[in-house]
Amino acid sequence: MAGAASLAACGSLGLDFSLPSRSGVTAPLRIESDPPGAEAKTSVGPGCRTPCAVNVPADREFTVSFTLNGYLPATETVKPVLPDDGRVDVEAPTQPMVEFSPNPVYAALQPAPPPPKQRAKPKPRAQAPARPRPQPQSAEPVPQPAQQGQPAASGWPSSGQASSTWPAPSQPPPPAWPTPQQTPR
């Protein structure tokens, strides 16, 4: 019966043999780049200018993104790992020590290619002022507008209004305009 009591006592102690959780645990991460001076930002929040170190949550995998003017951006993945020797953090003995792989996280930034040369758009040509169209030379005199009550100079009857005579006195008739000599038969 003593064995049963001791077995029951063990069950009531509530011993937990599972691995402790890493939730809320942070660990230092060193961040470096070549060239130095890149802006490094972790996907879990903290960021800095390289070379630097930040404390980051150690409960999950994350990325570090590197940016620097004149260089292509780079991203590295970092994973939390437990040390192989089973060390325990002396400040929090229930929490195992956490390390990151890789630590330091490093990015060799590549120079960005020069921006493509933009083809110069052709400049719009200045439009030459419109030249007056040469008027066909006619051997016949240009008809003059008729005066009130007088026949037109072309021999056509006047409409009685000088302003309605076609064509205007300063313009020769169009090429297809019949003149008294070209009257169709």
N, C-alpha and C. Protein backbone atom coordinates (compact mmCIF):
# COMPACT_ATOMS: atom_id res chain seq x y z
N MET A 1 0.82 -1.17 0.00
CA MET A 1 0.00 0.00 0.00
C MET A 1 0.87 1.25 0.00
N ALA A 2 2.01 1.16 0.59
CA ALA A 2 2.92 2.30 0.62
C ALA A 2 3.35 2.65 -0.80
N GLY A 3 3.50 1.66 -1.65
CA GLY A 3 3.88 1.91 -3.05
C GLY A 3 2.79 2.65 -3.79
N ALA A 4 1.54 2.32 -3.49
CA ALA A 4 0.42 2.98 -4.16
C ALA A 4 0.32 4.42 -3.70
N ALA A 5 0.57 4.66 -2.41
CA ALA A 5 0.51 6.03 -1.89
C ALA A 5 1.61 6.88 -2.50
N SER A 6 2.78 6.30 -2.64
CA SER A 6 3.88 7.09 -3.23
C SER A 6 3.61 7.34 -4.71
N LEU A 7 2.99 6.40 -5.38
CA LEU A 7 2.64 6.60 -6.79
C LEU A 7 1.58 7.67 -6.92
N ALA A 8 0.62 7.69 -6.03
CA ALA A 8 -0.42 8.71 -6.04
C ALA A 8 0.17 10.07 -5.73
N ALA A 9 1.14 10.12 -4.84
CA ALA A 9 1.78 11.39 -4.48
C ALA A 9 2.53 11.95 -5.69
N CYS A 10 3.14 11.09 -6.46
CA CYS A 10 3.85 11.56 -7.66
C CYS A 10 2.88 12.19 -8.64
N GLY A 11 1.72 11.60 -8.78
CA GLY A 11 0.74 12.13 -9.71
C GLY A 11 0.18 13.45 -9.25
N SER A 12 0.14 13.71 -7.96
CA SER A 12 -0.42 14.96 -7.47
C SER A 12 0.58 16.11 -7.49
N LEU A 13 1.83 15.83 -7.69
CA LEU A 13 2.84 16.90 -7.73
C LEU A 13 2.71 17.75 -8.98
N GLY A 14 2.14 17.22 -10.03
CA GLY A 14 1.96 17.98 -11.27
C GLY A 14 3.28 18.26 -11.97
N LEU A 15 4.14 17.31 -12.03
CA LEU A 15 5.42 17.50 -12.71
C LEU A 15 5.19 17.58 -14.21
N ASP A 16 5.82 18.55 -14.84
CA ASP A 16 5.68 18.75 -16.29
C ASP A 16 7.02 18.46 -16.93
N PHE A 17 7.05 17.40 -17.73
CA PHE A 17 8.30 17.01 -18.37
C PHE A 17 8.42 17.52 -19.80
N SER A 18 7.50 18.39 -20.24
CA SER A 18 7.59 18.94 -21.60
C SER A 18 8.64 20.04 -21.63
N LEU A 19 9.11 20.34 -22.82
CA LEU A 19 10.11 21.40 -22.98
C LEU A 19 9.46 22.75 -22.69
N PRO A 20 10.19 23.62 -22.04
CA PRO A 20 9.62 24.93 -21.76
C PRO A 20 9.35 25.71 -23.04
N SER A 21 8.35 26.56 -22.97
CA SER A 21 7.98 27.39 -24.13
C SER A 21 8.98 28.52 -24.31
N ARG A 22 9.19 28.92 -25.57
CA ARG A 22 10.10 30.04 -25.84
C ARG A 22 9.31 31.32 -26.05
N SER A 23 8.01 31.29 -25.80
CA SER A 23 7.18 32.47 -25.99
C SER A 23 7.62 33.58 -25.04
N GLY A 24 7.80 34.78 -25.56
CA GLY A 24 8.21 35.91 -24.74
C GLY A 24 9.70 36.01 -24.54
N VAL A 25 10.45 35.02 -24.98
CA VAL A 25 11.90 35.03 -24.82
C VAL A 25 12.51 35.80 -25.98
N THR A 26 13.45 36.67 -25.66
CA THR A 26 14.18 37.37 -26.72
C THR A 26 15.64 36.99 -26.62
N ALA A 27 16.33 37.15 -27.71
CA ALA A 27 17.76 36.85 -27.75
C ALA A 27 18.44 37.86 -28.67
N PRO A 28 19.72 38.11 -28.43
CA PRO A 28 20.43 39.08 -29.27
C PRO A 28 20.78 38.49 -30.64
N LEU A 29 20.71 39.34 -31.63
CA LEU A 29 21.08 38.96 -32.99
C LEU A 29 22.01 40.03 -33.54
N ARG A 30 23.16 39.62 -34.02
CA ARG A 30 24.08 40.56 -34.66
C ARG A 30 23.75 40.61 -36.15
N ILE A 31 23.81 41.82 -36.70
CA ILE A 31 23.46 42.02 -38.11
C ILE A 31 24.61 42.77 -38.77
N GLU A 32 25.10 42.23 -39.89
CA GLU A 32 26.22 42.84 -40.61
C GLU A 32 25.94 42.83 -42.10
N SER A 33 26.59 43.76 -42.80
CA SER A 33 26.45 43.79 -44.26
C SER A 33 27.74 44.29 -44.88
N ASP A 34 27.90 43.96 -46.14
CA ASP A 34 29.01 44.49 -46.93
C ASP A 34 28.41 45.14 -48.16
N PRO A 35 28.50 46.42 -48.32
CA PRO A 35 29.17 47.40 -47.46
C PRO A 35 28.35 47.69 -46.21
N PRO A 36 29.02 48.16 -45.15
CA PRO A 36 28.29 48.52 -43.94
C PRO A 36 27.45 49.77 -44.18
N GLY A 37 26.53 50.02 -43.28
CA GLY A 37 25.67 51.19 -43.40
C GLY A 37 24.31 50.90 -44.00
N ALA A 38 24.02 49.63 -44.24
CA ALA A 38 22.71 49.26 -44.81
C ALA A 38 21.65 49.35 -43.72
N GLU A 39 20.44 49.66 -44.13
CA GLU A 39 19.30 49.66 -43.21
C GLU A 39 18.81 48.21 -43.13
N ALA A 40 18.82 47.64 -41.90
CA ALA A 40 18.38 46.26 -41.70
C ALA A 40 17.09 46.29 -40.89
N LYS A 41 16.07 45.55 -41.35
CA LYS A 41 14.77 45.54 -40.68
C LYS A 41 14.33 44.09 -40.55
N THR A 42 13.99 43.68 -39.32
CA THR A 42 13.52 42.32 -39.11
C THR A 42 12.02 42.25 -39.35
N SER A 43 11.54 41.09 -39.74
CA SER A 43 10.10 40.91 -39.97
C SER A 43 9.32 40.85 -38.66
N VAL A 44 10.03 40.77 -37.52
CA VAL A 44 9.36 40.74 -36.21
C VAL A 44 9.44 42.09 -35.51
N GLY A 45 9.95 43.11 -36.19
CA GLY A 45 9.92 44.46 -35.63
C GLY A 45 11.22 45.23 -35.59
N PRO A 46 12.18 44.84 -34.76
CA PRO A 46 13.37 45.67 -34.60
C PRO A 46 14.17 45.82 -35.89
N GLY A 47 14.85 46.95 -35.98
CA GLY A 47 15.72 47.22 -37.12
C GLY A 47 16.87 48.10 -36.67
N CYS A 48 17.88 48.24 -37.51
CA CYS A 48 19.04 49.07 -37.19
C CYS A 48 19.87 49.30 -38.46
N ARG A 49 20.94 50.09 -38.33
CA ARG A 49 21.87 50.33 -39.44
C ARG A 49 23.12 49.50 -39.17
N THR A 50 23.54 48.72 -40.15
CA THR A 50 24.65 47.78 -39.96
C THR A 50 25.98 48.50 -39.82
N PRO A 51 26.90 47.90 -39.06
CA PRO A 51 26.79 46.71 -38.20
C PRO A 51 26.07 47.08 -36.90
N CYS A 52 25.29 46.14 -36.38
CA CYS A 52 24.50 46.43 -35.18
C CYS A 52 24.04 45.12 -34.54
N ALA A 53 23.36 45.25 -33.40
CA ALA A 53 22.78 44.09 -32.72
C ALA A 53 21.41 44.51 -32.19
N VAL A 54 20.45 43.60 -32.26
CA VAL A 54 19.10 43.85 -31.76
C VAL A 54 18.62 42.63 -30.98
N ASN A 55 17.72 42.84 -30.05
CA ASN A 55 17.06 41.73 -29.35
C ASN A 55 15.77 41.44 -30.08
N VAL A 56 15.59 40.18 -30.45
CA VAL A 56 14.40 39.79 -31.21
C VAL A 56 13.73 38.60 -30.54
N PRO A 57 12.41 38.45 -30.73
CA PRO A 57 11.71 37.29 -30.17
C PRO A 57 12.32 36.00 -30.72
N ALA A 58 12.47 35.04 -29.83
CA ALA A 58 13.12 33.78 -30.21
C ALA A 58 12.13 32.65 -30.38
N ASP A 59 10.85 32.97 -30.57
CA ASP A 59 9.84 31.92 -30.64
C ASP A 59 9.48 31.50 -32.06
N ARG A 60 10.06 32.14 -33.07
CA ARG A 60 9.70 31.76 -34.44
C ARG A 60 10.79 32.21 -35.43
N GLU A 61 10.68 31.65 -36.62
CA GLU A 61 11.57 32.02 -37.72
C GLU A 61 11.17 33.41 -38.22
N PHE A 62 12.15 34.19 -38.72
CA PHE A 62 11.87 35.52 -39.24
C PHE A 62 12.89 35.86 -40.31
N THR A 63 12.70 37.01 -40.94
CA THR A 63 13.63 37.45 -41.98
C THR A 63 14.23 38.80 -41.60
N VAL A 64 15.39 39.07 -42.17
CA VAL A 64 16.04 40.38 -42.04
C VAL A 64 16.21 40.91 -43.46
N SER A 65 15.67 42.10 -43.71
CA SER A 65 15.77 42.72 -45.04
C SER A 65 16.79 43.84 -44.99
N PHE A 66 17.67 43.86 -45.98
CA PHE A 66 18.73 44.86 -46.07
C PHE A 66 18.46 45.78 -47.25
N THR A 67 18.60 47.09 -47.03
CA THR A 67 18.48 48.06 -48.13
C THR A 67 19.57 49.11 -47.98
N LEU A 68 20.10 49.55 -49.12
CA LEU A 68 21.11 50.60 -49.16
C LEU A 68 21.05 51.23 -50.54
N ASN A 69 21.01 52.56 -50.59
CA ASN A 69 20.95 53.26 -51.88
C ASN A 69 22.10 52.82 -52.78
N GLY A 70 21.79 52.54 -54.03
CA GLY A 70 22.80 52.13 -54.99
C GLY A 70 23.06 50.63 -55.00
N TYR A 71 22.36 49.88 -54.14
CA TYR A 71 22.55 48.43 -54.06
C TYR A 71 21.20 47.73 -54.15
N LEU A 72 21.24 46.49 -54.64
CA LEU A 72 20.02 45.69 -54.70
C LEU A 72 19.62 45.28 -53.29
N PRO A 73 18.33 45.23 -52.97
CA PRO A 73 17.92 44.78 -51.64
C PRO A 73 18.21 43.29 -51.47
N ALA A 74 18.38 42.87 -50.22
CA ALA A 74 18.64 41.46 -49.92
C ALA A 74 17.82 41.07 -48.69
N THR A 75 17.47 39.79 -48.61
CA THR A 75 16.72 39.28 -47.47
C THR A 75 17.35 37.96 -47.03
N GLU A 76 17.54 37.81 -45.72
CA GLU A 76 18.09 36.58 -45.15
C GLU A 76 17.10 36.02 -44.13
N THR A 77 16.99 34.69 -44.07
CA THR A 77 16.10 34.03 -43.12
C THR A 77 16.89 33.62 -41.88
N VAL A 78 16.31 33.84 -40.70
CA VAL A 78 16.95 33.50 -39.43
C VAL A 78 16.02 32.55 -38.68
N LYS A 79 16.60 31.48 -38.10
CA LYS A 79 15.82 30.49 -37.36
C LYS A 79 16.33 30.41 -35.92
N PRO A 80 15.42 30.32 -34.95
CA PRO A 80 15.87 30.09 -33.57
C PRO A 80 16.21 28.61 -33.38
N VAL A 81 17.27 28.34 -32.64
CA VAL A 81 17.68 26.95 -32.38
C VAL A 81 18.07 26.82 -30.90
N LEU A 82 17.85 25.64 -30.34
CA LEU A 82 18.30 25.35 -28.98
C LEU A 82 19.74 24.86 -29.07
N PRO A 83 20.58 25.24 -28.14
CA PRO A 83 21.96 24.75 -28.19
C PRO A 83 21.99 23.23 -28.00
N ASP A 84 22.95 22.59 -28.65
CA ASP A 84 23.07 21.13 -28.60
C ASP A 84 23.43 20.63 -27.20
N ASP A 85 24.10 21.45 -26.41
CA ASP A 85 24.56 20.97 -25.11
C ASP A 85 23.51 21.12 -24.01
N GLY A 86 22.31 21.59 -24.34
CA GLY A 86 21.23 21.67 -23.36
C GLY A 86 21.44 22.73 -22.30
N ARG A 87 22.22 23.75 -22.58
CA ARG A 87 22.46 24.82 -21.59
C ARG A 87 21.15 25.48 -21.20
N VAL A 88 21.10 25.99 -20.00
CA VAL A 88 19.93 26.69 -19.49
C VAL A 88 20.36 28.09 -19.11
N ASP A 89 19.51 29.05 -19.38
CA ASP A 89 19.79 30.45 -19.05
C ASP A 89 19.82 30.58 -17.53
N VAL A 90 20.92 31.09 -16.97
CA VAL A 90 21.05 31.19 -15.51
C VAL A 90 20.11 32.23 -14.94
N GLU A 91 19.73 33.23 -15.71
CA GLU A 91 18.81 34.26 -15.20
C GLU A 91 17.37 33.76 -15.19
N ALA A 92 17.03 32.88 -16.07
CA ALA A 92 15.68 32.30 -16.12
C ALA A 92 15.85 30.80 -16.28
N PRO A 93 16.11 30.08 -15.17
CA PRO A 93 16.46 28.67 -15.27
C PRO A 93 15.40 27.80 -15.91
N THR A 94 14.15 28.24 -15.97
CA THR A 94 13.13 27.42 -16.61
C THR A 94 13.15 27.59 -18.12
N GLN A 95 13.86 28.60 -18.61
CA GLN A 95 13.92 28.86 -20.05
C GLN A 95 15.27 28.38 -20.60
N PRO A 96 15.25 27.60 -21.65
CA PRO A 96 16.52 27.20 -22.25
C PRO A 96 17.12 28.39 -23.00
N MET A 97 18.43 28.40 -23.16
CA MET A 97 19.08 29.45 -23.96
C MET A 97 18.69 29.24 -25.41
N VAL A 98 18.50 30.33 -26.10
CA VAL A 98 18.13 30.25 -27.51
C VAL A 98 19.21 30.93 -28.32
N GLU A 99 19.53 30.34 -29.43
CA GLU A 99 20.49 30.94 -30.35
C GLU A 99 19.80 31.08 -31.70
N PHE A 100 20.39 31.87 -32.54
CA PHE A 100 19.86 32.04 -33.89
C PHE A 100 20.84 31.46 -34.90
N SER A 101 20.29 30.97 -35.97
CA SER A 101 21.12 30.49 -37.07
C SER A 101 20.63 31.17 -38.33
N PRO A 102 21.46 31.94 -38.96
CA PRO A 102 22.84 32.31 -38.63
C PRO A 102 22.87 33.46 -37.63
N ASN A 103 23.97 33.55 -36.90
CA ASN A 103 24.21 34.68 -36.00
C ASN A 103 25.72 34.90 -35.95
N PRO A 104 26.24 35.93 -36.55
CA PRO A 104 25.53 37.08 -37.08
C PRO A 104 24.89 36.77 -38.44
N VAL A 105 23.80 37.47 -38.72
CA VAL A 105 23.19 37.37 -40.05
C VAL A 105 23.93 38.38 -40.92
N TYR A 106 24.31 37.94 -42.13
CA TYR A 106 25.19 38.74 -42.98
C TYR A 106 24.63 38.80 -44.40
N ALA A 107 24.74 39.97 -45.01
CA ALA A 107 24.32 40.11 -46.40
C ALA A 107 25.41 40.83 -47.17
N ALA A 108 25.82 40.25 -48.29
CA ALA A 108 26.75 40.91 -49.22
C ALA A 108 25.88 41.57 -50.28
N LEU A 109 25.75 42.88 -50.19
CA LEU A 109 24.86 43.60 -51.11
C LEU A 109 25.53 43.78 -52.47
N GLN A 110 24.76 43.57 -53.51
CA GLN A 110 25.25 43.69 -54.88
C GLN A 110 24.91 45.08 -55.42
N PRO A 111 25.86 45.71 -56.13
CA PRO A 111 25.56 47.03 -56.71
C PRO A 111 24.36 46.94 -57.66
N ALA A 112 23.54 47.94 -57.61
CA ALA A 112 22.38 47.99 -58.51
C ALA A 112 22.85 48.37 -59.90
N PRO A 113 22.25 47.79 -60.93
CA PRO A 113 22.63 48.19 -62.30
C PRO A 113 22.22 49.64 -62.53
N PRO A 114 22.94 50.31 -63.42
CA PRO A 114 22.55 51.70 -63.70
C PRO A 114 21.14 51.71 -64.29
N PRO A 115 20.39 52.77 -64.02
CA PRO A 115 19.04 52.83 -64.57
C PRO A 115 19.11 52.87 -66.09
N PRO A 116 18.12 52.26 -66.75
CA PRO A 116 18.15 52.26 -68.22
C PRO A 116 18.06 53.69 -68.73
N LYS A 117 18.83 53.94 -69.78
CA LYS A 117 18.78 55.27 -70.38
C LYS A 117 17.44 55.42 -71.07
N GLN A 118 16.79 56.50 -70.75
CA GLN A 118 15.51 56.76 -71.39
C GLN A 118 15.77 57.43 -72.71
N ARG A 119 15.15 56.90 -73.72
CA ARG A 119 15.31 57.49 -75.04
C ARG A 119 14.69 58.87 -75.02
N ALA A 120 15.45 59.79 -75.54
CA ALA A 120 14.94 61.16 -75.59
C ALA A 120 13.78 61.20 -76.57
N LYS A 121 12.71 61.78 -76.12
CA LYS A 121 11.56 61.92 -77.00
C LYS A 121 11.90 62.98 -78.03
N PRO A 122 11.58 62.73 -79.29
CA PRO A 122 11.88 63.75 -80.29
C PRO A 122 11.12 65.03 -79.98
N LYS A 123 11.84 66.11 -80.12
CA LYS A 123 11.20 67.40 -79.87
C LYS A 123 10.25 67.68 -81.01
N PRO A 124 9.10 68.22 -80.69
CA PRO A 124 8.16 68.54 -81.78
C PRO A 124 8.77 69.63 -82.66
N ARG A 125 8.65 69.41 -83.92
CA ARG A 125 9.19 70.39 -84.86
C ARG A 125 8.28 71.60 -84.89
N ALA A 126 8.92 72.73 -84.99
CA ALA A 126 8.14 73.96 -85.09
C ALA A 126 7.46 73.96 -86.45
N GLN A 127 6.20 74.21 -86.44
CA GLN A 127 5.45 74.21 -87.68
C GLN A 127 5.72 75.51 -88.41
N ALA A 128 6.07 75.38 -89.66
CA ALA A 128 6.29 76.56 -90.48
C ALA A 128 4.95 77.23 -90.71
N PRO A 129 4.94 78.54 -90.79
CA PRO A 129 3.67 79.20 -91.06
C PRO A 129 3.11 78.73 -92.39
N ALA A 130 1.81 78.59 -92.42
CA ALA A 130 1.16 78.11 -93.64
C ALA A 130 1.36 79.11 -94.77
N ARG A 131 1.82 78.58 -95.88
CA ARG A 131 2.00 79.44 -97.06
C ARG A 131 0.69 79.50 -97.81
N PRO A 132 0.40 80.64 -98.37
CA PRO A 132 -0.82 80.70 -99.18
C PRO A 132 -0.65 79.82 -100.41
N ARG A 133 -1.70 79.15 -100.76
CA ARG A 133 -1.64 78.28 -101.93
C ARG A 133 -1.54 79.14 -103.18
N PRO A 134 -0.67 78.75 -104.06
CA PRO A 134 -0.60 79.53 -105.30
C PRO A 134 -1.89 79.35 -106.09
N GLN A 135 -2.40 80.42 -106.57
CA GLN A 135 -3.63 80.39 -107.34
C GLN A 135 -3.27 80.17 -108.81
N PRO A 136 -4.07 79.35 -109.47
CA PRO A 136 -3.77 79.13 -110.89
C PRO A 136 -3.90 80.44 -111.66
N GLN A 137 -2.98 80.62 -112.54
CA GLN A 137 -3.00 81.83 -113.38
C GLN A 137 -3.98 81.60 -114.53
N SER A 138 -4.84 82.52 -114.68
CA SER A 138 -5.84 82.41 -115.72
C SER A 138 -5.58 83.51 -116.75
N ALA A 139 -5.75 83.17 -117.97
CA ALA A 139 -5.57 84.17 -119.03
C ALA A 139 -6.73 85.13 -119.06
N GLU A 140 -7.80 84.76 -118.45
CA GLU A 140 -8.99 85.60 -118.45
C GLU A 140 -8.95 86.54 -117.26
N PRO A 141 -9.51 87.69 -117.39
CA PRO A 141 -9.56 88.60 -116.25
C PRO A 141 -10.52 88.07 -115.20
N VAL A 142 -10.26 88.43 -113.98
CA VAL A 142 -11.10 88.01 -112.86
C VAL A 142 -12.39 88.80 -112.92
N PRO A 143 -13.53 88.13 -112.78
CA PRO A 143 -14.80 88.86 -112.84
C PRO A 143 -14.90 89.84 -111.68
N GLN A 144 -15.43 90.97 -111.93
CA GLN A 144 -15.62 92.00 -110.92
C GLN A 144 -17.06 91.95 -110.45
N PRO A 145 -17.29 92.35 -109.20
CA PRO A 145 -18.67 92.32 -108.73
C PRO A 145 -19.52 93.32 -109.50
N ALA A 146 -20.74 92.95 -109.66
CA ALA A 146 -21.66 93.80 -110.43
C ALA A 146 -22.11 94.97 -109.58
N GLN A 147 -22.29 96.07 -110.21
CA GLN A 147 -22.84 97.24 -109.54
C GLN A 147 -24.35 97.17 -109.69
N GLN A 148 -25.02 97.82 -108.81
CA GLN A 148 -26.48 97.82 -108.82
C GLN A 148 -26.97 98.30 -110.18
N GLY A 149 -27.72 97.45 -110.85
CA GLY A 149 -28.32 97.83 -112.12
C GLY A 149 -27.40 97.69 -113.30
N GLN A 150 -26.13 97.29 -113.13
CA GLN A 150 -25.22 97.14 -114.27
C GLN A 150 -24.88 95.66 -114.41
N PRO A 151 -24.64 95.21 -115.64
CA PRO A 151 -24.27 93.81 -115.82
C PRO A 151 -22.87 93.57 -115.27
N ALA A 152 -22.61 92.34 -114.85
CA ALA A 152 -21.31 91.99 -114.32
C ALA A 152 -20.28 92.06 -115.42
N ALA A 153 -19.00 92.27 -115.03
CA ALA A 153 -17.91 92.38 -116.00
C ALA A 153 -17.72 91.08 -116.74
N SER A 154 -18.15 89.97 -116.17
CA SER A 154 -17.98 88.68 -116.83
C SER A 154 -19.07 88.45 -117.86
N GLY A 155 -20.06 89.31 -117.89
CA GLY A 155 -21.14 89.11 -118.82
C GLY A 155 -22.28 88.34 -118.21
N TRP A 156 -22.15 87.95 -116.98
CA TRP A 156 -23.23 87.24 -116.31
C TRP A 156 -24.21 88.24 -115.77
N PRO A 157 -25.44 87.87 -115.69
CA PRO A 157 -26.41 88.82 -115.13
C PRO A 157 -26.13 89.03 -113.65
N SER A 158 -26.34 90.21 -113.21
CA SER A 158 -26.10 90.56 -111.82
C SER A 158 -27.30 90.15 -110.99
N SER A 159 -27.04 89.76 -109.75
CA SER A 159 -28.13 89.41 -108.85
C SER A 159 -28.70 90.64 -108.20
N GLY A 160 -28.08 91.76 -108.44
CA GLY A 160 -28.58 93.00 -107.87
C GLY A 160 -27.90 93.32 -106.55
N GLN A 161 -27.12 92.40 -106.02
CA GLN A 161 -26.41 92.67 -104.77
C GLN A 161 -24.95 92.38 -105.00
N ALA A 162 -24.14 93.38 -104.82
CA ALA A 162 -22.71 93.24 -105.07
C ALA A 162 -22.07 92.30 -104.05
N SER A 163 -22.61 92.20 -102.84
CA SER A 163 -21.98 91.38 -101.81
C SER A 163 -22.20 89.89 -102.03
N SER A 164 -23.16 89.51 -102.89
CA SER A 164 -23.41 88.09 -103.08
C SER A 164 -22.74 87.54 -104.33
N THR A 165 -21.92 88.34 -104.98
CA THR A 165 -21.24 87.87 -106.18
C THR A 165 -20.13 86.91 -105.79
N TRP A 166 -20.08 85.81 -106.50
CA TRP A 166 -19.02 84.83 -106.27
C TRP A 166 -18.18 84.76 -107.49
N PRO A 167 -16.96 84.61 -107.42
CA PRO A 167 -16.06 84.65 -106.27
C PRO A 167 -15.78 86.08 -105.86
N ALA A 168 -15.15 86.21 -104.71
CA ALA A 168 -14.82 87.54 -104.22
C ALA A 168 -13.84 88.18 -105.18
N PRO A 169 -13.83 89.51 -105.28
CA PRO A 169 -12.99 90.17 -106.27
C PRO A 169 -11.51 89.87 -106.12
N SER A 170 -11.03 89.57 -104.93
CA SER A 170 -9.59 89.35 -104.76
C SER A 170 -9.18 87.91 -105.06
N GLN A 171 -10.13 87.03 -105.34
CA GLN A 171 -9.80 85.63 -105.58
C GLN A 171 -10.20 85.24 -107.00
N PRO A 172 -9.34 84.48 -107.66
CA PRO A 172 -9.72 83.98 -108.98
C PRO A 172 -10.74 82.86 -108.82
N PRO A 173 -11.46 82.55 -109.84
CA PRO A 173 -12.46 81.48 -109.74
C PRO A 173 -11.76 80.13 -109.55
N PRO A 174 -12.43 79.17 -108.93
CA PRO A 174 -11.85 77.84 -108.81
C PRO A 174 -11.65 77.24 -110.20
N PRO A 175 -10.76 76.24 -110.31
CA PRO A 175 -10.44 75.69 -111.63
C PRO A 175 -11.65 75.15 -112.38
N ALA A 176 -12.64 74.62 -111.72
CA ALA A 176 -13.78 74.03 -112.41
C ALA A 176 -14.89 75.05 -112.64
N TRP A 177 -14.68 76.30 -112.32
CA TRP A 177 -15.71 77.33 -112.47
C TRP A 177 -15.89 77.62 -113.95
N PRO A 178 -17.10 77.48 -114.44
CA PRO A 178 -17.27 77.74 -115.88
C PRO A 178 -17.22 79.24 -116.16
N THR A 179 -16.47 79.58 -117.13
CA THR A 179 -16.43 80.97 -117.59
C THR A 179 -17.30 81.06 -118.83
N PRO A 180 -17.67 82.25 -119.24
CA PRO A 180 -18.55 82.35 -120.40
C PRO A 180 -18.00 81.64 -121.63
N GLN A 181 -16.68 81.56 -121.79
CA GLN A 181 -16.12 80.89 -122.96
C GLN A 181 -16.14 79.37 -122.80
N GLN A 182 -16.23 78.85 -121.53
CA GLN A 182 -16.18 77.41 -121.30
C GLN A 182 -17.56 76.84 -121.01
N THR A 183 -18.59 77.49 -121.38
CA THR A 183 -19.94 77.05 -121.09
C THR A 183 -20.17 75.69 -121.75
N PRO A 184 -20.65 74.72 -120.99
CA PRO A 184 -20.89 73.39 -121.56
C PRO A 184 -22.00 73.44 -122.60
N ARG A 185 -21.93 72.60 -123.59
CA ARG A 185 -22.91 72.59 -124.68
C ARG A 185 -23.75 71.38 -124.67
